[in-house]
Amino acid sequence: MGAHDSALLDALSGYTPITFSGEVWRITRKGLEPLRGSTAHGRWSAGADIEVLYTSLEREGALAEIGFRLGLEPVWPSRMEHEIHRLNVGVERALKLADFRALEELGVDTSRFAGFDYSQTKAIAAAAHFLEFDGLIVPSVRSTAQNLVLFKDRVKSLKLMASEAVDWVKWRKQLTQTTSSLI
């Protein structure tokens, strides 16, 4: 992996790794391996050679993340089927960036966090991997949940517990009802 910003490495070295053991949620298209990570461009992708697995600490957080992506399409992709998976995860050295203030301290412009400029978050992920963290616990952009982004080469325990079909019609209806009740 390439050079890392020394100030970022110093800042991340000041964090005490935490242990996480518990349940997380993940959504995949139907038929895809739920424990397989990705090396594709993403907010917390550490680099093309490092496989990451995006999960949420809450079921609704996982739905909000993928629901947002599907909502970017000009027409909701109604024929695409997804499954939500409940996983049991164990990591020994997670980097917890619990809130947006912690991200700001690491150079993330949180006023633009919901956008698609991932340069600083990718740099944080790459530096965390270099410092041998197992993954990152970070705030979700799409919900109040926190996400657990795992570096697949470092995860100590990862097990699929259950899977079920996602009913996007029902989810979107509930989302609309919740949003309209807030107005």
C-alpha atoms as a PDB file:
ATOM      1  CA  MET A   1       0.000   0.000   0.000  1.00  0.00           C
ATOM      2  CA  GLY A   2       1.180   3.536  -0.726  1.00  0.00           C
ATOM      3  CA  ALA A   3       2.330   6.259   1.613  1.00  0.00           C
ATOM      4  CA  HIS A   4       0.030   7.458   4.368  1.00  0.00           C
ATOM      5  CA  ASP A   5      -0.306  10.951   5.761  1.00  0.00           C
ATOM      6  CA  SER A   6       1.876  11.016   8.888  1.00  0.00           C
ATOM      7  CA  ALA A   7      -0.480  13.381  10.742  1.00  0.00           C
ATOM      8  CA  LEU A   8      -3.365  10.965  10.099  1.00  0.00           C
ATOM      9  CA  LEU A   9      -1.296   7.995  11.234  1.00  0.00           C
ATOM     10  CA  ASP A  10      -0.351   9.894  14.402  1.00  0.00           C
ATOM     11  CA  ALA A  11      -3.983  10.810  15.078  1.00  0.00           C
ATOM     12  CA  LEU A  12      -5.246   7.254  14.578  1.00  0.00           C
ATOM     13  CA  SER A  13      -2.422   5.863  16.708  1.00  0.00           C
ATOM     14  CA  GLY A  14      -3.922   7.828  19.588  1.00  0.00           C
ATOM     15  CA  TYR A  15      -7.131   5.775  19.469  1.00  0.00           C
ATOM     16  CA  THR A  16      -7.428   2.728  21.688  1.00  0.00           C
ATOM     17  CA  PRO A  17      -8.720  -0.231  19.686  1.00  0.00           C
ATOM     18  CA  ILE A  18     -11.965  -1.700  20.940  1.00  0.00           C
ATOM     19  CA  THR A  19     -13.279  -5.235  20.916  1.00  0.00           C
ATOM     20  CA  PHE A  20     -16.616  -5.821  19.234  1.00  0.00           C
ATOM     21  CA  SER A  21     -18.592  -9.016  19.385  1.00  0.00           C
ATOM     22  CA  GLY A  22     -22.189  -9.163  18.344  1.00  0.00           C
ATOM     23  CA  GLU A  23     -24.867  -8.972  15.740  1.00  0.00           C
ATOM     24  CA  VAL A  24     -24.666  -6.863  12.589  1.00  0.00           C
ATOM     25  CA  TRP A  25     -26.802  -6.553   9.463  1.00  0.00           C
ATOM     26  CA  ARG A  26     -25.934  -6.605   5.790  1.00  0.00           C
ATOM     27  CA  ILE A  27     -27.907  -6.534   2.546  1.00  0.00           C
ATOM     28  CA  THR A  28     -26.916  -8.207  -0.706  1.00  0.00           C
ATOM     29  CA  ARG A  29     -28.635  -8.920  -3.957  1.00  0.00           C
ATOM     30  CA  LYS A  30     -30.385 -12.272  -3.822  1.00  0.00           C
ATOM     31  CA  GLY A  31     -28.011 -15.136  -4.504  1.00  0.00           C
ATOM     32  CA  LEU A  32     -24.787 -13.292  -3.668  1.00  0.00           C
ATOM     33  CA  GLU A  33     -22.491 -14.577  -0.923  1.00  0.00           C
ATOM     34  CA  PRO A  34     -23.342 -12.525   2.205  1.00  0.00           C
ATOM     35  CA  LEU A  35     -19.872 -12.894   3.751  1.00  0.00           C
ATOM     36  CA  ARG A  36     -18.004 -11.726   0.680  1.00  0.00           C
ATOM     37  CA  GLY A  37     -16.593  -8.235   0.879  1.00  0.00           C
ATOM     38  CA  SER A  38     -15.818  -5.740  -1.821  1.00  0.00           C
ATOM     39  CA  THR A  39     -12.774  -3.957  -3.175  1.00  0.00           C
ATOM     40  CA  ALA A  40     -14.919  -1.507  -5.156  1.00  0.00           C
ATOM     41  CA  HIS A  41     -14.909   2.252  -4.678  1.00  0.00           C
ATOM     42  CA  GLY A  42     -16.771   3.089  -1.462  1.00  0.00           C
ATOM     43  CA  ARG A  43     -16.809   5.575   1.398  1.00  0.00           C
ATOM     44  CA  TRP A  44     -14.638   3.371   3.631  1.00  0.00           C
ATOM     45  CA  SER A  45     -12.853   1.286   1.018  1.00  0.00           C
ATOM     46  CA  ALA A  46      -9.247   1.023   2.136  1.00  0.00           C
ATOM     47  CA  GLY A  47      -7.836   0.290  -1.314  1.00  0.00           C
ATOM     48  CA  ALA A  48      -8.209  -1.972  -4.313  1.00  0.00           C
ATOM     49  CA  ASP A  49      -6.302  -4.827  -2.674  1.00  0.00           C
ATOM     50  CA  ILE A  50      -8.181  -4.725   0.659  1.00  0.00           C
ATOM     51  CA  GLU A  51     -11.562  -6.426   0.833  1.00  0.00           C
ATOM     52  CA  VAL A  52     -14.072  -4.640   3.095  1.00  0.00           C
ATOM     53  CA  LEU A  53     -17.439  -5.835   4.311  1.00  0.00           C
ATOM     54  CA  TYR A  54     -19.989  -3.101   4.993  1.00  0.00           C
ATOM     55  CA  THR A  55     -22.424  -3.873   7.820  1.00  0.00           C
ATOM     56  CA  SER A  56     -24.700  -1.935  10.145  1.00  0.00           C
ATOM     57  CA  LEU A  57     -25.172  -2.360  13.867  1.00  0.00           C
ATOM     58  CA  GLU A  58     -28.929  -1.971  13.272  1.00  0.00           C
ATOM     59  CA  ARG A  59     -31.270  -3.680  10.830  1.00  0.00           C
ATOM     60  CA  GLU A  60     -32.841  -0.365   9.807  1.00  0.00           C
ATOM     61  CA  GLY A  61     -29.397   1.093   9.209  1.00  0.00           C
ATOM     62  CA  ALA A  62     -28.604  -1.573   6.616  1.00  0.00           C
ATOM     63  CA  LEU A  63     -31.965  -1.008   4.919  1.00  0.00           C
ATOM     64  CA  ALA A  64     -31.435   2.770   4.831  1.00  0.00           C
ATOM     65  CA  GLU A  65     -27.979   2.442   3.268  1.00  0.00           C
ATOM     66  CA  ILE A  66     -29.078   0.200   0.391  1.00  0.00           C
ATOM     67  CA  GLY A  67     -32.483   1.863   0.074  1.00  0.00           C
ATOM     68  CA  PHE A  68     -30.725   5.176  -0.539  1.00  0.00           C
ATOM     69  CA  ARG A  69     -28.589   3.661  -3.301  1.00  0.00           C
ATOM     70  CA  LEU A  70     -31.615   2.115  -4.994  1.00  0.00           C
ATOM     71  CA  GLY A  71     -33.441   5.442  -4.715  1.00  0.00           C
ATOM     72  CA  LEU A  72     -30.759   7.119  -6.835  1.00  0.00           C
ATOM     73  CA  GLU A  73     -32.021   5.218  -9.878  1.00  0.00           C
ATOM     74  CA  PRO A  74     -34.397   7.132 -12.187  1.00  0.00           C
ATOM     75  CA  VAL A  75     -36.965   4.374 -11.570  1.00  0.00           C
ATOM     76  CA  TRP A  76     -36.938   2.174  -8.474  1.00  0.00           C
ATOM     77  CA  PRO A  77     -35.476  -1.199  -9.603  1.00  0.00           C
ATOM     78  CA  SER A  78     -38.551  -3.274  -8.749  1.00  0.00           C
ATOM     79  CA  ARG A  79     -37.290  -6.559 -10.205  1.00  0.00           C
ATOM     80  CA  MET A  80     -34.026  -6.561  -8.281  1.00  0.00           C
ATOM     81  CA  GLU A  81     -34.328  -8.844  -5.260  1.00  0.00           C
ATOM     82  CA  HIS A  82     -32.303  -8.391  -2.087  1.00  0.00           C
ATOM     83  CA  GLU A  83     -31.765 -10.323   1.100  1.00  0.00           C
ATOM     84  CA  ILE A  84     -30.975  -8.979   4.546  1.00  0.00           C
ATOM     85  CA  HIS A  85     -28.519 -11.049   6.522  1.00  0.00           C
ATOM     86  CA  ARG A  86     -27.946 -11.179  10.250  1.00  0.00           C
ATOM     87  CA  LEU A  87     -24.293 -11.878  10.955  1.00  0.00           C
ATOM     88  CA  ASN A  88     -22.373 -12.582  14.124  1.00  0.00           C
ATOM     89  CA  VAL A  89     -19.033 -10.773  14.128  1.00  0.00           C
ATOM     90  CA  GLY A  90     -16.030 -10.715  16.409  1.00  0.00           C
ATOM     91  CA  VAL A  91     -13.141  -8.263  16.086  1.00  0.00           C
ATOM     92  CA  GLU A  92     -10.391  -7.482  18.549  1.00  0.00           C
ATOM     93  CA  ARG A  93      -9.048  -4.162  17.230  1.00  0.00           C
ATOM     94  CA  ALA A  94     -11.831  -1.960  15.861  1.00  0.00           C
ATOM     95  CA  LEU A  95     -11.296   1.759  15.401  1.00  0.00           C
ATOM     96  CA  LYS A  96     -14.365   3.511  16.803  1.00  0.00           C
ATOM     97  CA  LEU A  97     -15.109   6.916  15.313  1.00  0.00           C
ATOM     98  CA  ALA A  98     -18.369   7.317  17.160  1.00  0.00           C
ATOM     99  CA  ASP A  99     -19.668  10.583  15.779  1.00  0.00           C
ATOM    100  CA  PHE A 100     -19.248  13.321  13.213  1.00  0.00           C
ATOM    101  CA  ARG A 101     -17.036  15.354  15.547  1.00  0.00           C
ATOM    102  CA  ALA A 102     -14.490  12.528  15.567  1.00  0.00           C
ATOM    103  CA  LEU A 103     -14.576  12.488  11.763  1.00  0.00           C
ATOM    104  CA  GLU A 104     -14.082  16.260  11.612  1.00  0.00           C
ATOM    105  CA  GLU A 105     -11.004  15.940  13.821  1.00  0.00           C
ATOM    106  CA  LEU A 106      -9.590  13.582  11.178  1.00  0.00           C
ATOM    107  CA  GLY A 107     -10.178  16.033   8.336  1.00  0.00           C
ATOM    108  CA  VAL A 108     -13.582  14.893   7.073  1.00  0.00           C
ATOM    109  CA  ASP A 109     -15.805  17.752   5.902  1.00  0.00           C
ATOM    110  CA  THR A 110     -18.996  16.525   7.562  1.00  0.00           C
ATOM    111  CA  SER A 111     -21.098  19.188   5.855  1.00  0.00           C
ATOM    112  CA  ARG A 112     -20.369  17.234   2.664  1.00  0.00           C
ATOM    113  CA  PHE A 113     -20.258  13.770   4.240  1.00  0.00           C
ATOM    114  CA  ALA A 114     -23.461  12.636   2.523  1.00  0.00           C
ATOM    115  CA  GLY A 115     -21.918  13.350  -0.891  1.00  0.00           C
ATOM    116  CA  PHE A 116     -19.636  11.150  -2.921  1.00  0.00           C
ATOM    117  CA  ASP A 117     -16.203  12.642  -2.225  1.00  0.00           C
ATOM    118  CA  TYR A 118     -14.635   9.738  -0.366  1.00  0.00           C
ATOM    119  CA  SER A 119     -11.029  10.888  -0.461  1.00  0.00           C
ATOM    120  CA  GLN A 120     -10.591  11.540   3.274  1.00  0.00           C
ATOM    121  CA  THR A 121     -12.666   8.608   4.498  1.00  0.00           C
ATOM    122  CA  LYS A 122     -10.745   6.276   2.186  1.00  0.00           C
ATOM    123  CA  ALA A 123      -7.473   7.715   3.539  1.00  0.00           C
ATOM    124  CA  ILE A 124      -8.686   7.053   7.101  1.00  0.00           C
ATOM    125  CA  ALA A 125      -9.621   3.469   6.214  1.00  0.00           C
ATOM    126  CA  ALA A 126      -6.285   2.834   4.495  1.00  0.00           C
ATOM    127  CA  ALA A 127      -4.353   4.262   7.450  1.00  0.00           C
ATOM    128  CA  ALA A 128      -6.454   2.218   9.912  1.00  0.00           C
ATOM    129  CA  HIS A 129      -5.716  -0.942   7.955  1.00  0.00           C
ATOM    130  CA  PHE A 130      -2.016  -0.052   7.869  1.00  0.00           C
ATOM    131  CA  LEU A 131      -2.121   0.359  11.668  1.00  0.00           C
ATOM    132  CA  GLU A 132      -3.626  -3.145  11.899  1.00  0.00           C
ATOM    133  CA  PHE A 133      -7.134  -2.254  12.991  1.00  0.00           C
ATOM    134  CA  ASP A 134      -9.707  -4.970  12.165  1.00  0.00           C
ATOM    135  CA  GLY A 135     -12.310  -2.500  10.983  1.00  0.00           C
ATOM    136  CA  LEU A 136     -14.076   0.759  11.675  1.00  0.00           C
ATOM    137  CA  ILE A 137     -17.177   1.643  13.657  1.00  0.00           C
ATOM    138  CA  VAL A 138     -18.461   4.819  12.017  1.00  0.00           C
ATOM    139  CA  PRO A 139     -21.635   6.888  11.876  1.00  0.00           C
ATOM    140  CA  SER A 140     -24.034   6.124   9.055  1.00  0.00           C
ATOM    141  CA  VAL A 141     -24.812   8.853   6.573  1.00  0.00           C
ATOM    142  CA  ARG A 142     -28.262   7.442   5.864  1.00  0.00           C
ATOM    143  CA  SER A 143     -29.596   6.722   9.361  1.00  0.00           C
ATOM    144  CA  THR A 144     -28.911   7.197  13.048  1.00  0.00           C
ATOM    145  CA  ALA A 145     -27.257   3.765  13.157  1.00  0.00           C
ATOM    146  CA  GLN A 146     -23.563   3.108  13.316  1.00  0.00           C
ATOM    147  CA  ASN A 147     -21.874   0.987  10.689  1.00  0.00           C
ATOM    148  CA  LEU A 148     -19.182  -1.608  11.181  1.00  0.00           C
ATOM    149  CA  VAL A 149     -16.834  -1.753   8.213  1.00  0.00           C
ATOM    150  CA  LEU A 150     -14.715  -4.885   8.422  1.00  0.00           C
ATOM    151  CA  PHE A 151     -11.313  -5.500   6.866  1.00  0.00           C
ATOM    152  CA  LYS A 152     -11.878  -9.080   5.738  1.00  0.00           C
ATOM    153  CA  ASP A 153      -8.227 -10.061   6.114  1.00  0.00           C
ATOM    154  CA  ARG A 154      -8.355  -9.150   9.814  1.00  0.00           C
ATOM    155  CA  VAL A 155     -11.738 -10.427  11.021  1.00  0.00           C
ATOM    156  CA  LYS A 156     -11.411 -13.077  13.707  1.00  0.00           C
ATOM    157  CA  SER A 157     -14.988 -14.351  13.646  1.00  0.00           C
ATOM    158  CA  LEU A 158     -17.705 -13.935  11.015  1.00  0.00           C
ATOM    159  CA  LYS A 159     -20.745 -16.170  10.777  1.00  0.00           C
ATOM    160  CA  LEU A 160     -24.025 -15.988   8.888  1.00  0.00           C
ATOM    161  CA  MET A 161     -26.891 -16.421  11.342  1.00  0.00           C
ATOM    162  CA  ALA A 162     -30.013 -15.858   9.205  1.00  0.00           C
ATOM    163  CA  SER A 163     -31.203 -14.416   5.909  1.00  0.00           C
ATOM    164  CA  GLU A 164     -34.565 -13.239   4.634  1.00  0.00           C
ATOM    165  CA  ALA A 165     -35.961 -11.476   1.598  1.00  0.00           C
ATOM    166  CA  VAL A 166     -36.209  -7.681   1.715  1.00  0.00           C
ATOM    167  CA  ASP A 167     -39.663  -6.310   0.980  1.00  0.00           C
ATOM    168  CA  TRP A 168     -38.723  -2.939  -0.514  1.00  0.00           C
ATOM    169  CA  VAL A 169     -42.365  -2.013  -1.187  1.00  0.00           C
ATOM    170  CA  LYS A 170     -43.192  -2.419   2.503  1.00  0.00           C
ATOM    171  CA  TRP A 171     -39.992  -0.627   3.570  1.00  0.00           C
ATOM    172  CA  ARG A 172     -40.657   2.349   1.284  1.00  0.00           C
ATOM    173  CA  LYS A 173     -44.263   2.565   2.514  1.00  0.00           C
ATOM    174  CA  GLN A 174     -43.109   2.591   6.159  1.00  0.00           C
ATOM    175  CA  LEU A 175     -40.484   5.199   5.319  1.00  0.00           C
ATOM    176  CA  THR A 176     -43.082   7.415   3.663  1.00  0.00           C
ATOM    177  CA  GLN A 177     -45.445   7.049   6.638  1.00  0.00           C
ATOM    178  CA  THR A 178     -42.660   7.858   9.108  1.00  0.00           C
ATOM    179  CA  THR A 179     -41.539  10.887   7.083  1.00  0.00           C
ATOM    180  CA  SER A 180     -45.075  12.243   6.685  1.00  0.00           C
ATOM    181  CA  SER A 181     -45.789  11.836  10.424  1.00  0.00           C
ATOM    182  CA  LEU A 182     -42.751  14.028  11.179  1.00  0.00           C
ATOM    183  CA  ILE A 183     -44.074  16.904   9.073  1.00  0.00           C
END
